[in-house]
Amino acid sequence: QLQLVESGGGLVQPGGSLRLSCAASGFTLDYNAIGWFRQAPGKEREGVSCISGSGGSTYYADSVKGRFTISRDNAKNTVYLQMHSLKPEDTSVYYCAASDYSDYVCSPPYFASWGQGTQVTVSS
């Protein structure tokens, strides 16, 4: 249905920044809501940030509000997650996912297509 590839993860120091990218392959991404999720070992997958198909509606988990920004460029088939002021608690595998719908609830069951994830490690 949709193929998604995450990139931009890596090792950063606390307080640093990363920008994650989620690129759609084989399709023009101009309708689907997109979410960023993360899952640390032994924990449930958590909705970090989601954006509607139009880009007009966004959601942020309380733990990342004021630090992360989600955006999308439908012409480039890409959604971004700009992360600032990173904390060790942000260490996780980050996944992007696409909904079959323009609107969303930022929770995993509402997203049908998933990327393979990109590792973000925040450590000194």
C-alpha atoms as a PDB file:
ATOM      1  CA  GLN A   1       0.000   0.000   0.000  1.00  0.00           C
ATOM      2  CA  LEU A   2       2.660   2.487   1.113  1.00  0.00           C
ATOM      3  CA  GLN A   3       6.375   2.028   1.636  1.00  0.00           C
ATOM      4  CA  LEU A   4       8.025   4.331   4.148  1.00  0.00           C
ATOM      5  CA  VAL A   5      11.716   4.778   4.891  1.00  0.00           C
ATOM      6  CA  GLU A   6      13.018   6.660   7.914  1.00  0.00           C
ATOM      7  CA  SER A   7      16.388   8.354   8.053  1.00  0.00           C
ATOM      8  CA  GLY A   8      18.271  10.877  10.146  1.00  0.00           C
ATOM      9  CA  GLY A   9      18.776   8.987  13.362  1.00  0.00           C
ATOM     10  CA  GLY A  10      22.079   8.738  15.131  1.00  0.00           C
ATOM     11  CA  LEU A  11      24.029   9.457  18.286  1.00  0.00           C
ATOM     12  CA  VAL A  12      23.781  12.956  19.750  1.00  0.00           C
ATOM     13  CA  GLN A  13      24.686  14.602  23.028  1.00  0.00           C
ATOM     14  CA  PRO A  14      22.006  15.781  25.442  1.00  0.00           C
ATOM     15  CA  GLY A  15      20.734  19.148  24.305  1.00  0.00           C
ATOM     16  CA  GLY A  16      21.535  18.393  20.698  1.00  0.00           C
ATOM     17  CA  SER A  17      19.294  18.250  17.662  1.00  0.00           C
ATOM     18  CA  LEU A  18      18.346  15.806  14.954  1.00  0.00           C
ATOM     19  CA  ARG A  19      15.967  15.923  12.045  1.00  0.00           C
ATOM     20  CA  LEU A  20      14.259  12.703  11.099  1.00  0.00           C
ATOM     21  CA  SER A  21      12.842  12.203   7.632  1.00  0.00           C
ATOM     22  CA  CYS A  22      10.143   9.831   6.480  1.00  0.00           C
ATOM     23  CA  ALA A  23      10.066   9.315   2.737  1.00  0.00           C
ATOM     24  CA  ALA A  24       7.269   7.555   0.901  1.00  0.00           C
ATOM     25  CA  SER A  25       8.334   5.196  -1.852  1.00  0.00           C
ATOM     26  CA  GLY A  26       6.236   4.361  -4.870  1.00  0.00           C
ATOM     27  CA  PHE A  27       3.411   6.726  -4.027  1.00  0.00           C
ATOM     28  CA  THR A  28       2.700  10.430  -3.941  1.00  0.00           C
ATOM     29  CA  LEU A  29       2.011  11.282  -0.326  1.00  0.00           C
ATOM     30  CA  ASP A  30      -0.590  13.997  -0.397  1.00  0.00           C
ATOM     31  CA  TYR A  31      -3.519  12.617   1.570  1.00  0.00           C
ATOM     32  CA  ASN A  32      -2.437  10.322   4.368  1.00  0.00           C
ATOM     33  CA  ALA A  33      -2.005  11.379   7.938  1.00  0.00           C
ATOM     34  CA  ILE A  34       1.526  10.577   9.109  1.00  0.00           C
ATOM     35  CA  GLY A  35       2.700   9.758  12.593  1.00  0.00           C
ATOM     36  CA  TRP A  36       6.026   9.475  14.341  1.00  0.00           C
ATOM     37  CA  PHE A  37       6.184   6.821  17.023  1.00  0.00           C
ATOM     38  CA  ARG A  38       8.907   5.499  19.246  1.00  0.00           C
ATOM     39  CA  GLN A  39       9.446   2.294  21.121  1.00  0.00           C
ATOM     40  CA  ALA A  40      12.123   1.642  23.682  1.00  0.00           C
ATOM     41  CA  PRO A  41      12.988  -1.892  24.813  1.00  0.00           C
ATOM     42  CA  GLY A  42      10.311  -3.364  27.039  1.00  0.00           C
ATOM     43  CA  LYS A  43       7.901  -0.491  26.464  1.00  0.00           C
ATOM     44  CA  GLU A  44       4.819  -0.020  24.332  1.00  0.00           C
ATOM     45  CA  ARG A  45       4.992   1.929  21.132  1.00  0.00           C
ATOM     46  CA  GLU A  46       4.278   5.573  21.869  1.00  0.00           C
ATOM     47  CA  GLY A  47       2.795   8.249  19.662  1.00  0.00           C
ATOM     48  CA  VAL A  48       5.283  11.118  19.528  1.00  0.00           C
ATOM     49  CA  SER A  49       3.778  13.408  16.914  1.00  0.00           C
ATOM     50  CA  CYS A  50       1.212  13.172  14.142  1.00  0.00           C
ATOM     51  CA  ILE A  51       0.149  15.428  11.300  1.00  0.00           C
ATOM     52  CA  SER A  52      -2.964  15.458   9.158  1.00  0.00           C
ATOM     53  CA  GLY A  53      -2.876  15.010   5.405  1.00  0.00           C
ATOM     54  CA  SER A  54      -3.252  18.731   4.830  1.00  0.00           C
ATOM     55  CA  GLY A  55      -0.695  19.622   7.469  1.00  0.00           C
ATOM     56  CA  GLY A  56      -3.261  21.764   9.222  1.00  0.00           C
ATOM     57  CA  SER A  57      -3.553  19.668  12.359  1.00  0.00           C
ATOM     58  CA  THR A  58      -0.722  18.398  14.523  1.00  0.00           C
ATOM     59  CA  TYR A  59      -0.352  16.462  17.736  1.00  0.00           C
ATOM     60  CA  TYR A  60       2.536  16.238  20.154  1.00  0.00           C
ATOM     61  CA  ALA A  61       2.989  14.034  23.149  1.00  0.00           C
ATOM     62  CA  ASP A  62       3.371  16.027  26.346  1.00  0.00           C
ATOM     63  CA  SER A  63       6.900  14.736  26.740  1.00  0.00           C
ATOM     64  CA  VAL A  64       8.055  16.404  23.510  1.00  0.00           C
ATOM     65  CA  LYS A  65       5.955  19.571  23.334  1.00  0.00           C
ATOM     66  CA  GLY A  66       8.104  22.615  22.807  1.00  0.00           C
ATOM     67  CA  ARG A  67      11.060  20.519  21.675  1.00  0.00           C
ATOM     68  CA  PHE A  68       9.880  18.616  18.591  1.00  0.00           C
ATOM     69  CA  THR A  69       8.227  19.929  15.438  1.00  0.00           C
ATOM     70  CA  ILE A  70       6.505  17.854  12.780  1.00  0.00           C
ATOM     71  CA  SER A  71       6.097  19.099   9.233  1.00  0.00           C
ATOM     72  CA  ARG A  72       5.374  17.691   5.819  1.00  0.00           C
ATOM     73  CA  ASP A  73       6.267  18.482   2.250  1.00  0.00           C
ATOM     74  CA  ASN A  74       3.810  16.548   0.151  1.00  0.00           C
ATOM     75  CA  ALA A  75       5.531  17.573  -3.072  1.00  0.00           C
ATOM     76  CA  LYS A  76       8.637  15.742  -1.836  1.00  0.00           C
ATOM     77  CA  ASN A  77       6.667  12.825  -0.388  1.00  0.00           C
ATOM     78  CA  THR A  78       8.416  13.490   2.902  1.00  0.00           C
ATOM     79  CA  VAL A  79       7.477  14.161   6.517  1.00  0.00           C
ATOM     80  CA  TYR A  80      10.007  15.525   8.993  1.00  0.00           C
ATOM     81  CA  LEU A  81      10.439  15.464  12.721  1.00  0.00           C
ATOM     82  CA  GLN A  82      12.754  18.206  13.937  1.00  0.00           C
ATOM     83  CA  MET A  83      14.006  17.371  17.416  1.00  0.00           C
ATOM     84  CA  HIS A  84      15.704  19.930  19.654  1.00  0.00           C
ATOM     85  CA  SER A  85      16.913  19.851  23.231  1.00  0.00           C
ATOM     86  CA  LEU A  86      17.196  16.102  23.117  1.00  0.00           C
ATOM     87  CA  LYS A  87      17.234  14.211  26.377  1.00  0.00           C
ATOM     88  CA  PRO A  88      18.492  10.737  27.234  1.00  0.00           C
ATOM     89  CA  GLU A  89      14.858   9.752  27.739  1.00  0.00           C
ATOM     90  CA  ASP A  90      14.307  10.362  24.022  1.00  0.00           C
ATOM     91  CA  THR A  91      16.543   7.419  23.194  1.00  0.00           C
ATOM     92  CA  SER A  92      14.461   4.971  21.201  1.00  0.00           C
ATOM     93  CA  VAL A  93      13.789   3.533  17.798  1.00  0.00           C
ATOM     94  CA  TYR A  94      11.651   6.030  15.929  1.00  0.00           C
ATOM     95  CA  TYR A  95       9.126   4.843  13.373  1.00  0.00           C
ATOM     96  CA  CYS A  96       7.038   6.708  10.865  1.00  0.00           C
ATOM     97  CA  ALA A  97       3.663   5.394   9.838  1.00  0.00           C
ATOM     98  CA  ALA A  98       0.912   6.335   7.421  1.00  0.00           C
ATOM     99  CA  SER A  99      -2.802   6.249   7.979  1.00  0.00           C
ATOM    100  CA  ASP A 100      -5.256   5.396   5.233  1.00  0.00           C
ATOM    101  CA  TYR A 101      -7.094   8.587   6.110  1.00  0.00           C
ATOM    102  CA  SER A 102      -6.392  12.296   6.135  1.00  0.00           C
ATOM    103  CA  ASP A 103      -7.417  12.765   9.758  1.00  0.00           C
ATOM    104  CA  TYR A 104      -6.065  10.705  12.601  1.00  0.00           C
ATOM    105  CA  VAL A 105      -5.871   9.619  16.153  1.00  0.00           C
ATOM    106  CA  CYS A 106      -2.195   9.519  17.075  1.00  0.00           C
ATOM    107  CA  SER A 107      -2.209   5.934  18.213  1.00  0.00           C
ATOM    108  CA  PRO A 108      -0.669   2.886  16.498  1.00  0.00           C
ATOM    109  CA  PRO A 109      -3.922   1.067  15.635  1.00  0.00           C
ATOM    110  CA  TYR A 110      -4.897   3.910  13.318  1.00  0.00           C
ATOM    111  CA  PHE A 111      -1.786   3.596  11.164  1.00  0.00           C
ATOM    112  CA  ALA A 112      -1.569   0.804   8.636  1.00  0.00           C
ATOM    113  CA  SER A 113       1.798   1.270   6.897  1.00  0.00           C
ATOM    114  CA  TRP A 114       5.035   1.357   8.870  1.00  0.00           C
ATOM    115  CA  GLY A 115       8.671   1.984   8.207  1.00  0.00           C
ATOM    116  CA  GLN A 116      11.452  -0.099   9.711  1.00  0.00           C
ATOM    117  CA  GLY A 117      12.607   2.544  12.160  1.00  0.00           C
ATOM    118  CA  THR A 118      15.688   4.639  12.798  1.00  0.00           C
ATOM    119  CA  GLN A 119      17.680   4.594  16.014  1.00  0.00           C
ATOM    120  CA  VAL A 120      18.051   7.773  18.047  1.00  0.00           C
ATOM    121  CA  THR A 121      20.515   7.621  20.919  1.00  0.00           C
ATOM    122  CA  VAL A 122      21.006  10.596  23.232  1.00  0.00           C
ATOM    123  CA  SER A 123      24.072  10.169  25.389  1.00  0.00           C
ATOM    124  CA  SER A 124      27.152  12.041  26.486  1.00  0.00           C
END
